Amino acid sequence: MHTERVTIENVPFETTLHLAGPIGLLALHGAVEGGTAELAREVATRTGATFLTFTQPTGPPQHIPSIRMSPCTPLTAFLTHATLTISLHGHSRRSAPRTIYVGGSNRPAARVLATALADSPFTPITTLADIPHPLRGLHPDNPVNGTRDGGVQLELPVQARTTHPVPTDPEVPPREVVDRIAAGVRTLMEKEGARW
């Protein structure tokens, strides 16, 4: 596991990278989308996947859009090593507090993860027309699409990311969500080797 400080658009980040299996869990906005970094790390630890998290150790958290997260050394290493990315994000749509939007360019992999999440307390949405445009994760400059087989962007409501949504408490991802995403990752690992 390697930790490195990087600066993107004058914002200091601390990155944590662990290179392991071919599926990569990515949390670009760990500081502003609470629970995503912890979720990425826990799912990767359970499944033997690769993970990369970005957090902001100092100053007020700032959200830099995914397409502007420049290819710093840790991100380049992640995208080179992993073959399929699962990028974890948070949404705060008041009209969809129990909805997980499942975007990204790899639609078969998106359906695998949606199936794993189907019996959870949250509703996964995979139909792109039903996902708000900013949450679809289809832009070619979005790192979720930068690995060989593209990726899946999971946009999670706060209750699917953390059981402690109070800023002073440690972020603890809900066990059921961890279990179900991990199950989806294991299924994807079984399919690894087949071109999507």
Protein backbone atom coordinates (compact mmCIF):
# COMPACT_ATOMS: atom_id res chain seq x y z
CA MET A 1 0.00 0.00 0.00
CA HIS A 2 1.43 3.35 -1.04
CA THR A 3 0.40 6.81 0.20
CA GLU A 4 1.34 9.91 -1.75
CA ARG A 5 0.49 13.61 -1.65
CA VAL A 6 -0.53 15.14 -4.98
CA THR A 7 -1.88 18.55 -6.00
CA ILE A 8 -4.66 18.94 -8.55
CA GLU A 9 -5.92 22.42 -9.46
CA ASN A 10 -4.10 23.81 -6.41
CA VAL A 11 -5.95 21.41 -4.09
CA PRO A 12 -3.77 19.08 -1.99
CA PHE A 13 -4.84 15.44 -1.91
CA GLU A 14 -3.61 12.40 -0.10
CA THR A 15 -3.84 9.28 -2.24
CA THR A 16 -3.72 5.70 -1.05
CA LEU A 17 -3.00 3.09 -3.72
CA HIS A 18 -2.91 -0.67 -3.33
CA LEU A 19 -2.25 -2.69 -6.48
CA ALA A 20 -3.74 -6.17 -6.36
CA GLY A 21 -6.36 -7.86 -8.56
CA PRO A 22 -7.55 -6.71 -12.00
CA ILE A 23 -10.76 -5.04 -10.77
CA GLY A 24 -10.06 -1.58 -9.36
CA LEU A 25 -12.13 0.31 -6.78
CA LEU A 26 -11.73 4.08 -7.14
CA ALA A 27 -12.85 6.89 -4.81
CA LEU A 28 -11.95 10.24 -6.34
CA HIS A 29 -13.92 12.35 -3.86
CA GLY A 30 -13.33 10.70 -0.51
CA ALA A 31 -13.23 14.05 1.28
CA VAL A 32 -16.54 15.40 0.01
CA GLU A 33 -18.53 12.23 -0.66
CA GLY A 34 -18.29 10.67 2.79
CA GLY A 35 -17.85 6.93 3.03
CA THR A 36 -16.70 6.35 -0.55
CA ALA A 37 -13.00 5.99 0.33
CA GLU A 38 -13.81 3.64 3.20
CA LEU A 39 -16.17 1.63 1.00
CA ALA A 40 -13.55 1.29 -1.75
CA ARG A 41 -10.93 0.11 0.71
CA GLU A 42 -13.20 -2.39 2.47
CA VAL A 43 -14.58 -3.95 -0.73
CA ALA A 44 -11.07 -4.23 -2.18
CA THR A 45 -9.73 -5.79 1.01
CA ARG A 46 -12.49 -8.40 1.00
CA THR A 47 -12.12 -9.31 -2.65
CA GLY A 48 -8.42 -8.89 -3.38
CA ALA A 49 -9.13 -6.00 -5.76
CA THR A 50 -6.95 -2.98 -6.42
CA PHE A 51 -8.00 0.33 -4.87
CA LEU A 52 -7.14 4.01 -5.06
CA THR A 53 -8.63 6.69 -2.82
CA PHE A 54 -8.31 10.47 -2.80
CA THR A 55 -8.85 12.43 0.41
CA GLN A 56 -8.07 16.02 1.39
CA PRO A 57 -6.14 16.13 4.68
CA THR A 58 -6.19 19.91 5.05
CA GLY A 59 -8.45 22.83 4.27
CA PRO A 60 -12.15 22.83 3.44
CA PRO A 61 -13.05 19.89 1.15
CA GLN A 62 -13.33 20.87 -2.50
CA HIS A 63 -15.07 18.92 -5.26
CA ILE A 64 -13.15 18.73 -8.52
CA PRO A 65 -15.24 17.06 -11.25
CA SER A 66 -14.02 13.63 -12.23
CA ILE A 67 -13.17 14.67 -15.78
CA ARG A 68 -10.71 17.24 -14.36
CA MET A 69 -8.89 14.85 -12.04
CA SER A 70 -5.59 15.01 -13.87
CA PRO A 71 -3.54 11.85 -14.51
CA CYS A 72 -1.26 12.14 -11.46
CA THR A 73 1.19 9.32 -10.79
CA PRO A 74 -1.11 7.24 -8.52
CA LEU A 75 -4.07 7.54 -10.91
CA THR A 76 -1.90 6.61 -13.90
CA ALA A 77 -0.57 3.57 -12.02
CA PHE A 78 -4.13 2.54 -11.11
CA LEU A 79 -5.47 2.90 -14.66
CA THR A 80 -2.49 1.01 -16.08
CA HIS A 81 -2.79 -1.87 -13.61
CA ALA A 82 -6.55 -2.41 -13.38
CA THR A 83 -8.56 -3.69 -16.32
CA LEU A 84 -12.01 -2.64 -15.07
CA THR A 85 -12.82 0.26 -12.72
CA ILE A 86 -15.65 0.58 -10.22
CA SER A 87 -15.77 4.25 -9.29
CA LEU A 88 -17.64 5.10 -6.09
CA HIS A 89 -19.37 8.48 -5.78
CA GLY A 90 -22.03 10.08 -3.64
CA HIS A 91 -25.20 11.83 -4.75
CA SER A 92 -27.56 13.93 -2.66
CA ARG A 93 -30.67 13.95 -4.83
CA ARG A 94 -33.55 14.60 -2.43
CA SER A 95 -35.95 12.88 -4.80
CA ALA A 96 -33.89 9.67 -4.76
CA PRO A 97 -32.63 8.98 -1.21
CA ARG A 98 -32.77 5.19 -1.73
CA THR A 99 -31.53 5.08 -5.33
CA ILE A 100 -28.12 3.91 -6.53
CA TYR A 101 -27.39 5.10 -10.06
CA VAL A 102 -25.26 2.60 -11.97
CA GLY A 103 -23.49 4.41 -14.81
CA GLY A 104 -20.18 4.09 -16.62
CA SER A 105 -19.22 2.82 -20.06
CA ASN A 106 -19.22 -0.92 -19.30
CA ARG A 107 -22.93 -1.70 -19.34
CA PRO A 108 -22.65 -5.51 -18.90
CA ALA A 109 -20.52 -4.95 -15.77
CA ALA A 110 -23.03 -2.34 -14.59
CA ARG A 111 -25.80 -4.93 -14.81
CA VAL A 112 -23.71 -7.42 -12.79
CA LEU A 113 -23.32 -4.89 -9.97
CA ALA A 114 -26.98 -3.87 -10.18
CA THR A 115 -28.00 -7.52 -9.83
CA ALA A 116 -25.79 -7.84 -6.73
CA LEU A 117 -27.46 -4.73 -5.25
CA ALA A 118 -31.01 -5.67 -6.27
CA ASP A 119 -32.10 -7.20 -2.95
CA SER A 120 -30.63 -4.42 -0.83
CA PRO A 121 -32.68 -1.62 0.75
CA PHE A 122 -31.61 0.51 -2.23
CA THR A 123 -32.86 0.51 -5.81
CA PRO A 124 -30.19 0.26 -8.51
CA ILE A 125 -30.97 2.11 -11.75
CA THR A 126 -29.05 1.01 -14.86
CA THR A 127 -31.14 2.53 -17.67
CA LEU A 128 -29.02 5.47 -18.78
CA ALA A 129 -32.05 7.56 -19.74
CA ASP A 130 -33.23 7.29 -16.12
CA ILE A 131 -29.89 8.43 -14.66
CA PRO A 132 -29.42 12.21 -14.34
CA HIS A 133 -26.98 13.32 -17.02
CA PRO A 134 -24.23 14.52 -14.62
CA LEU A 135 -24.26 11.13 -12.86
CA ARG A 136 -23.97 8.85 -15.89
CA GLY A 137 -20.16 8.59 -15.90
CA LEU A 138 -19.87 8.30 -19.68
CA HIS A 139 -17.43 11.09 -20.50
CA PRO A 140 -14.24 9.69 -22.08
CA ASP A 141 -12.10 11.85 -19.77
CA ASN A 142 -13.73 10.40 -16.66
CA PRO A 143 -11.18 8.04 -15.06
CA VAL A 144 -13.89 5.39 -14.62
CA ASN A 145 -13.61 4.80 -18.37
CA GLY A 146 -9.80 4.87 -18.47
CA THR A 147 -9.08 1.18 -17.90
CA ARG A 148 -8.95 -1.43 -20.67
CA ASP A 149 -12.54 -2.58 -20.19
CA GLY A 150 -13.97 0.77 -19.08
CA GLY A 151 -15.88 0.80 -15.86
CA VAL A 152 -18.95 1.24 -13.70
CA GLN A 153 -19.78 4.45 -11.84
CA LEU A 154 -21.84 3.88 -8.69
CA GLU A 155 -23.59 7.02 -7.46
CA LEU A 156 -24.63 6.24 -3.89
CA PRO A 157 -27.01 8.16 -1.63
CA VAL A 158 -25.65 9.03 1.81
CA GLN A 159 -27.34 6.10 3.58
CA ALA A 160 -25.63 3.67 1.19
CA ARG A 161 -22.21 5.19 1.90
CA THR A 162 -22.03 5.70 5.64
CA THR A 163 -23.80 4.73 8.83
CA HIS A 164 -22.43 7.88 10.51
CA PRO A 165 -23.36 10.86 8.32
CA VAL A 166 -22.19 13.29 11.01
CA PRO A 167 -18.97 15.12 10.02
CA THR A 168 -17.27 14.48 13.36
CA ASP A 169 -17.88 10.70 13.32
CA PRO A 170 -15.75 8.17 11.45
CA GLU A 171 -17.25 7.01 8.17
CA VAL A 172 -18.48 3.41 8.38
CA PRO A 173 -20.04 1.99 5.19
CA PRO A 174 -23.21 -0.07 5.75
CA ARG A 175 -22.31 -3.76 5.97
CA GLU A 176 -25.10 -4.80 3.59
CA VAL A 177 -23.84 -2.46 0.88
CA VAL A 178 -20.25 -3.65 1.37
CA ASP A 179 -21.41 -7.27 1.16
CA ARG A 180 -23.40 -6.75 -2.01
CA ILE A 181 -20.79 -4.71 -3.88
CA ALA A 182 -18.16 -7.27 -2.86
CA ALA A 183 -20.38 -10.04 -4.24
CA GLY A 184 -20.66 -8.13 -7.53
CA VAL A 185 -16.88 -7.65 -7.66
CA ARG A 186 -16.33 -11.37 -7.12
CA THR A 187 -18.69 -12.14 -10.01
CA LEU A 188 -16.81 -9.69 -12.22
CA MET A 189 -13.51 -11.30 -11.24
CA GLU A 190 -14.87 -14.67 -12.34
CA LYS A 191 -15.63 -13.12 -15.72
CA GLU A 192 -12.16 -11.54 -15.95
CA GLY A 193 -10.37 -12.60 -19.09
CA ALA A 194 -13.49 -12.29 -21.23
CA ARG A 195 -13.64 -9.07 -23.18
CA TRP A 196 -16.70 -7.04 -22.27
